[in-house]
C-alpha cells in the first residue's frame, strides 16, 4: 500500500509517525483527503487527527487551520443556536440519523436556553423537550471554554439516553466545528476547550465535588421528593450566586412537588426562572 495519499505528499516515507504528526497542520481538505484514502485501504504511519481512531471524533489539541468561511460559520453558530440546530443538529430515529426539523416551540425553547440563565419547561409527553435540551448542551460544550455541564435524570438509563443525544449531535458536526476530544466515556466527555459533559443519576449528593456551570435536570417532577428537595437545596445556592452558571429544568407534570413549586413561582414572577409551557396541541401532527 502506498505511503502517500493521492497528490497530497504531506506524509513522506522517511518520516517517523511522531515527527510527521508533530508538523502536520490539519485542515478540512486534508482531513477529507485522509478519510477518502482510509476508505481505499491506506494505512498511515502518522498519528491521526481522530480520537482513538474514530473518524466521527476529532482528537484533542491537534493543530488545525481554519478557512475564512469556517471562521465565519463558527461565529454565526456560536451567536445563533437556532441556526446551528437547523443546519447541523441531528437525532436518532427509527429510520437512522436524521437532520432535526425544529417546531416553533422548540425554536423558542432554544432561544430561551441561550439567552436566559434559569429556565423551567413544563411539557406534554413526546414533544421533543429532551432532544431540544440535548441540542443546547451539545452547542454549549462546543462553543464555550472551561465550562462543566451536568446532566441529571430520574433514572440512570434516562441520563445515558440524554448524554447520548448530545453525543450524536457532536459526532455529526463538520470536522472543523467539532470540539477536540480528550476523554469519551459513557457518562463523561472532556474536550480540549476545557468543557466537560457529565451524566449522573439524581441523588441528594449529585454534582458535589466539582464546579457546575450548566445544569440540566430532566423529568425533575418524577424524582422522589426527598431526593429532589435535598439535591436542589445542595446545588441551587452555589449556582444562583455565580454570574455565569445556569440551570435548565424540563419535565412532564406529576402532581405537587419541587418542580411544581419552582414552576408555579416562576409563572408568578417570584423567582428568577423563565417559565415555558408546551401543550400537546402545539405538536403539528396532533
Protein backbone atom coordinates (compact mmCIF):
# COMPACT_ATOMS: atom_id res chain seq x y z
CA UNK A 1 0.00 0.00 0.00
CA UNK A 2 1.28 3.47 -0.89
CA UNK A 3 2.59 5.75 1.84
CA UNK A 4 1.14 8.78 0.00
CA UNK A 5 -2.44 10.00 -0.17
CA UNK A 6 -3.07 10.85 -3.80
CA UNK A 7 -1.24 14.05 -4.66
CA UNK A 8 -1.03 15.14 -1.02
CA UNK A 9 2.59 14.32 -0.17
CA UNK A 10 2.28 15.53 3.40
CA UNK A 11 3.34 12.14 4.79
CA UNK A 12 6.86 11.40 3.44
CA UNK A 13 8.09 7.80 3.67
CA UNK A 14 11.13 8.75 5.71
CA UNK A 15 9.14 10.44 8.48
CA UNK A 16 8.53 8.67 11.74
CA UNK A 17 4.94 8.71 12.97
CA UNK A 18 5.70 11.18 15.76
CA UNK A 19 7.75 13.56 13.62
CA UNK A 20 5.13 13.69 10.88
CA UNK A 21 2.33 14.12 13.38
CA UNK A 22 4.13 16.97 15.14
CA UNK A 23 4.50 19.04 11.99
CA UNK A 24 1.14 18.43 10.30
CA UNK A 25 -1.22 21.38 10.29
CA UNK A 26 -4.59 19.82 9.58
CA UNK A 27 -7.32 21.41 7.51
CA UNK A 28 -10.73 20.32 6.30
CA UNK A 29 -9.27 19.40 2.90
CA UNK A 30 -6.51 17.30 4.43
CA UNK A 31 -8.94 15.51 6.73
CA UNK A 32 -11.30 14.83 3.81
CA UNK A 33 -8.40 13.51 1.69
CA UNK A 34 -7.25 11.32 4.55
CA UNK A 35 -10.71 9.86 5.12
CA UNK A 36 -11.02 9.07 1.41
CA UNK A 37 -7.63 7.36 1.46
CA UNK A 38 -8.57 5.35 4.55
CA UNK A 39 -11.71 4.17 2.77
CA UNK A 40 -9.45 2.98 -0.06
CA UNK A 41 -7.27 0.94 2.30
CA UNK A 42 -4.48 3.41 3.12
CA UNK A 43 -2.64 2.61 6.36
CA UNK A 44 -0.98 5.76 7.73
CA UNK A 45 2.33 5.97 9.56
CA UNK A 46 1.40 9.16 11.37
CA UNK A 47 -0.89 9.81 14.30
CA UNK A 48 -4.38 10.50 13.03
CA UNK A 49 -6.48 13.59 13.81
CA UNK A 50 -9.21 11.29 15.15
CA UNK A 51 -9.81 10.36 18.78
CA UNK A 52 -8.81 6.70 19.25
CA UNK A 53 -9.16 6.16 15.51
CA UNK A 54 -12.85 7.08 15.46
CA UNK A 55 -13.40 9.20 12.36
CA UNK A 56 -16.51 10.81 13.86
CA UNK A 57 -14.47 12.30 16.74
CA UNK A 58 -11.80 14.98 16.48
CA UNK A 59 -8.71 14.33 18.61
CA UNK A 60 -7.93 16.96 21.19
CA UNK A 61 -5.19 19.55 20.73
CA UNK A 62 -4.39 18.91 17.07
CA UNK A 63 -3.14 21.87 15.04
CA UNK A 64 -5.95 22.93 12.70
CA UNK A 65 -6.04 25.73 10.13
CA UNK A 66 -9.47 27.23 9.51
CA UNK A 67 -10.63 28.89 6.32
CA UNK A 68 -12.22 32.34 6.48
CA UNK A 69 -15.57 30.72 5.67
CA UNK A 70 -15.20 28.28 8.55
CA UNK A 71 -14.36 31.06 11.00
CA UNK A 72 -17.45 32.97 9.86
CA UNK A 73 -19.62 29.87 10.23
CA UNK A 74 -18.29 29.14 13.72
CA UNK A 75 -19.06 32.70 14.79
CA UNK A 76 -22.59 32.52 13.40
CA UNK A 77 -23.32 29.18 15.10
CA UNK A 78 -21.96 30.47 18.40
CA UNK A 79 -24.19 33.53 18.09
CA UNK A 80 -27.39 31.84 16.85
CA UNK A 81 -28.31 28.48 18.35
CA UNK A 82 -31.40 28.07 16.15
CA UNK A 83 -29.28 28.47 13.02
CA UNK A 84 -26.84 25.91 14.44
CA UNK A 85 -29.63 23.46 15.25
CA UNK A 86 -31.42 23.73 11.92
CA UNK A 87 -28.25 23.38 9.87
CA UNK A 88 -26.20 20.88 11.88
CA UNK A 89 -28.16 19.11 14.63
CA UNK A 90 -29.24 15.51 14.10
CA UNK A 91 -31.32 13.00 16.03
CA UNK A 92 -31.51 9.22 16.01
CA UNK A 93 -34.85 7.96 14.66
CA UNK A 94 -36.32 4.60 13.62
CA UNK A 95 -35.00 5.40 10.14
CA UNK A 96 -31.49 6.19 11.37
CA UNK A 97 -29.81 9.55 11.94
CA UNK A 98 -31.91 12.40 10.56
CA UNK A 99 -31.50 16.17 10.41
CA UNK A 100 -33.58 17.88 13.08
CA UNK A 101 -36.73 19.67 11.95
CA UNK A 102 -37.49 22.16 14.68
CA UNK A 103 -41.04 23.03 15.59
CA UNK A 104 -41.79 26.62 16.58
CA UNK A 105 -41.94 25.87 20.30
CA UNK A 106 -38.55 24.12 20.06
CA UNK A 107 -37.04 27.22 18.48
CA UNK A 108 -38.45 29.25 21.35
CA UNK A 109 -37.01 26.80 23.88
CA UNK A 110 -33.55 27.01 22.31
CA UNK A 111 -33.62 30.81 22.26
CA UNK A 112 -34.68 30.84 25.90
CA UNK A 113 -31.93 28.38 26.83
CA UNK A 114 -29.36 30.57 25.09
CA UNK A 115 -30.50 33.93 26.42
CA UNK A 116 -31.77 33.10 29.93
CA UNK A 117 -29.68 31.61 32.73
CA UNK A 118 -32.57 29.91 34.52
CA UNK A 119 -35.25 28.05 32.56
CA UNK A 120 -38.04 25.70 33.55
CA UNK A 121 -40.21 23.93 30.98
CA UNK A 122 -43.48 22.12 31.65
CA UNK A 123 -44.21 19.96 28.61
CA UNK A 124 -46.65 17.32 27.47
CA UNK A 125 -45.22 13.92 26.59
CA UNK A 126 -43.44 13.24 23.30
CA UNK A 127 -42.87 16.91 22.47
CA UNK A 128 -39.11 16.67 21.90
CA UNK A 129 -38.07 18.57 25.03
CA UNK A 130 -35.15 16.24 25.79
CA UNK A 131 -33.90 16.38 22.20
CA UNK A 132 -34.10 20.17 22.31
CA UNK A 133 -32.17 20.32 25.58
CA UNK A 134 -29.58 17.90 24.18
CA UNK A 135 -29.02 20.18 21.19
CA UNK A 136 -28.44 23.04 23.59
CA UNK A 137 -25.99 21.01 25.67
CA UNK A 138 -24.05 19.95 22.56
CA UNK A 139 -23.94 23.59 21.44
CA UNK A 140 -22.83 24.68 24.92
CA UNK A 141 -19.81 22.35 25.12
CA UNK A 142 -18.85 23.18 21.52
CA UNK A 143 -18.89 26.96 21.78
CA UNK A 144 -17.69 27.59 25.33
CA UNK A 145 -14.40 27.22 27.18
CA UNK A 146 -13.71 25.76 30.62
CA UNK A 147 -17.35 25.00 31.45
CA UNK A 148 -18.81 21.90 33.11
CA UNK A 149 -22.23 20.60 32.11
CA UNK A 150 -24.01 18.18 34.45
CA UNK A 151 -26.94 16.16 33.09
CA UNK A 152 -29.30 14.52 35.58
CA UNK A 153 -32.46 12.46 35.17
CA UNK A 154 -34.73 10.34 37.32
CA UNK A 155 -33.08 7.09 36.15
CA UNK A 156 -29.52 6.20 35.10
CA UNK A 157 -30.78 4.79 31.78
CA UNK A 158 -32.52 8.08 31.09
CA UNK A 159 -29.34 10.00 31.88
CA UNK A 160 -27.38 7.83 29.45
CA UNK A 161 -30.00 8.47 26.78
CA UNK A 162 -29.72 12.22 27.33
CA UNK A 163 -25.93 12.28 27.08
CA UNK A 164 -26.12 10.00 24.01
CA UNK A 165 -28.40 12.50 22.26
CA UNK A 166 -25.85 15.26 22.85
CA UNK A 167 -23.03 12.99 21.68
CA UNK A 168 -24.86 12.22 18.42
CA UNK A 169 -25.04 15.95 17.67
CA UNK A 170 -21.31 16.41 18.34
CA UNK A 171 -20.32 13.31 16.37
CA UNK A 172 -22.14 14.54 13.27
CA UNK A 173 -20.81 18.10 13.20
CA UNK A 174 -18.41 19.06 10.41
CA UNK A 175 -14.83 18.24 11.43
CA UNK A 176 -13.83 21.91 11.70
CA UNK A 177 -16.68 22.52 14.15
CA UNK A 178 -16.20 19.50 16.41
CA UNK A 179 -14.59 20.11 19.80
CA UNK A 180 -11.40 18.10 20.24
CA UNK A 181 -11.93 15.09 22.47
CA UNK A 182 -9.68 14.27 25.44
CA UNK A 183 -11.97 11.71 27.08
CA UNK A 184 -15.07 9.98 25.72
CA UNK A 185 -16.62 7.66 28.28
CA UNK A 186 -20.25 6.59 28.57
CA UNK A 187 -21.09 9.29 31.12
CA UNK A 188 -18.10 11.62 30.89
CA UNK A 189 -16.90 13.65 27.91
CA UNK A 190 -13.95 16.02 28.18
CA UNK A 191 -12.99 18.41 25.37
CA UNK A 192 -9.80 20.31 24.60
CA UNK A 193 -11.64 23.62 25.05
CA UNK A 194 -11.88 22.76 28.74
CA UNK A 195 -15.56 21.83 28.63
CA UNK A 196 -16.95 18.64 30.17
CA UNK A 197 -20.25 16.81 29.70
CA UNK A 198 -21.09 14.63 32.70
CA UNK A 199 -24.11 12.41 33.24
CA UNK A 200 -25.31 11.14 36.60
CA UNK A 201 -28.47 9.77 38.14
CA UNK A 202 -30.03 12.16 40.58
CA UNK A 203 -29.18 11.66 44.25
CA UNK A 204 -29.06 14.09 47.14
CA UNK A 205 -25.29 14.43 46.59
CA UNK A 206 -25.14 14.58 42.78
CA UNK A 207 -22.68 17.15 41.49
CA UNK A 208 -20.92 17.61 44.81
CA UNK A 209 -17.15 17.89 44.41
CA UNK A 210 -16.87 19.83 41.17
CA UNK A 211 -17.98 23.16 39.76
CA UNK A 212 -21.19 23.14 37.72
CA UNK A 213 -21.66 25.84 35.10
CA UNK A 214 -24.58 24.31 33.17
CA UNK A 215 -27.04 22.05 34.99
CA UNK A 216 -29.77 20.18 33.13
CA UNK A 217 -32.47 18.34 35.09
CA UNK A 218 -34.77 16.11 33.02
CA UNK A 219 -38.13 14.82 34.30
CA UNK A 220 -37.48 16.58 37.58
CA UNK A 221 -41.11 16.16 38.66
CA UNK A 222 -40.60 12.38 38.61
CA UNK A 223 -37.64 12.29 41.00
CA UNK A 224 -38.56 11.18 44.52
CA UNK A 225 -39.40 14.31 46.55
CA UNK A 226 -36.88 13.60 49.32
CA UNK A 227 -34.07 13.30 46.75
CA UNK A 228 -35.21 16.24 44.62
CA UNK A 229 -35.56 18.55 47.61
CA UNK A 230 -32.20 17.61 49.14
CA UNK A 231 -30.34 17.81 45.82
CA UNK A 232 -31.81 21.19 44.91
CA UNK A 233 -31.06 22.66 48.31
CA UNK A 234 -27.45 21.48 47.95
CA UNK A 235 -26.70 22.86 44.48
CA UNK A 236 -29.01 25.84 43.97
CA UNK A 237 -27.31 28.32 46.34
CA UNK A 238 -23.94 27.81 44.64
CA UNK A 239 -25.28 28.06 41.09
CA UNK A 240 -27.54 31.03 41.78
CA UNK A 241 -24.67 33.00 43.34
CA UNK A 242 -22.48 32.52 40.24
CA UNK A 243 -22.54 35.10 37.45
CA UNK A 244 -22.25 32.51 34.67
CA UNK A 245 -23.86 29.28 35.90
CA UNK A 246 -27.22 28.28 34.50
CA UNK A 247 -29.98 25.77 35.26
CA UNK A 248 -32.42 24.21 32.81
CA UNK A 249 -35.25 22.08 34.19
CA UNK A 250 -37.71 20.17 31.99
CA UNK A 251 -40.44 17.76 32.95
CA UNK A 252 -43.85 16.36 32.24
CA UNK A 253 -46.33 17.10 35.05
CA UNK A 254 -46.51 14.83 38.09
CA UNK A 255 -48.53 16.44 40.85
CA UNK A 256 -47.29 18.73 43.59
CA UNK A 257 -43.55 18.62 44.25
CA UNK A 258 -40.33 20.65 43.93
CA UNK A 259 -40.77 21.00 40.18
CA UNK A 260 -44.32 22.29 40.64
CA UNK A 261 -43.20 24.79 43.27
CA UNK A 262 -40.41 26.19 41.10
CA UNK A 263 -42.61 26.38 38.00
CA UNK A 264 -45.55 27.99 39.80
CA UNK A 265 -43.27 30.57 41.40
CA UNK A 266 -41.71 31.32 38.00
CA UNK A 267 -45.14 31.92 36.47
CA UNK A 268 -45.93 34.34 39.27
CA UNK A 269 -42.60 36.10 38.82
CA UNK A 270 -41.47 35.12 42.31
CA UNK A 271 -38.12 33.62 41.27
CA UNK A 272 -35.51 34.14 38.56
CA UNK A 273 -36.68 31.28 36.34
CA UNK A 274 -38.08 31.82 32.87
CA UNK A 275 -41.16 29.58 32.69
CA UNK A 276 -42.35 27.96 29.47
CA UNK A 277 -45.27 25.62 28.92
CA UNK A 278 -45.57 23.30 25.92
CA UNK A 279 -49.03 21.79 25.44
CA UNK A 280 -49.82 18.64 23.46
CA UNK A 281 -51.79 20.54 20.82
CA UNK A 282 -48.70 22.57 19.83
CA UNK A 283 -47.29 19.49 18.09
CA UNK A 284 -48.15 19.92 14.37
CA UNK A 285 -49.09 16.23 13.98
CA UNK A 286 -51.71 16.28 16.73
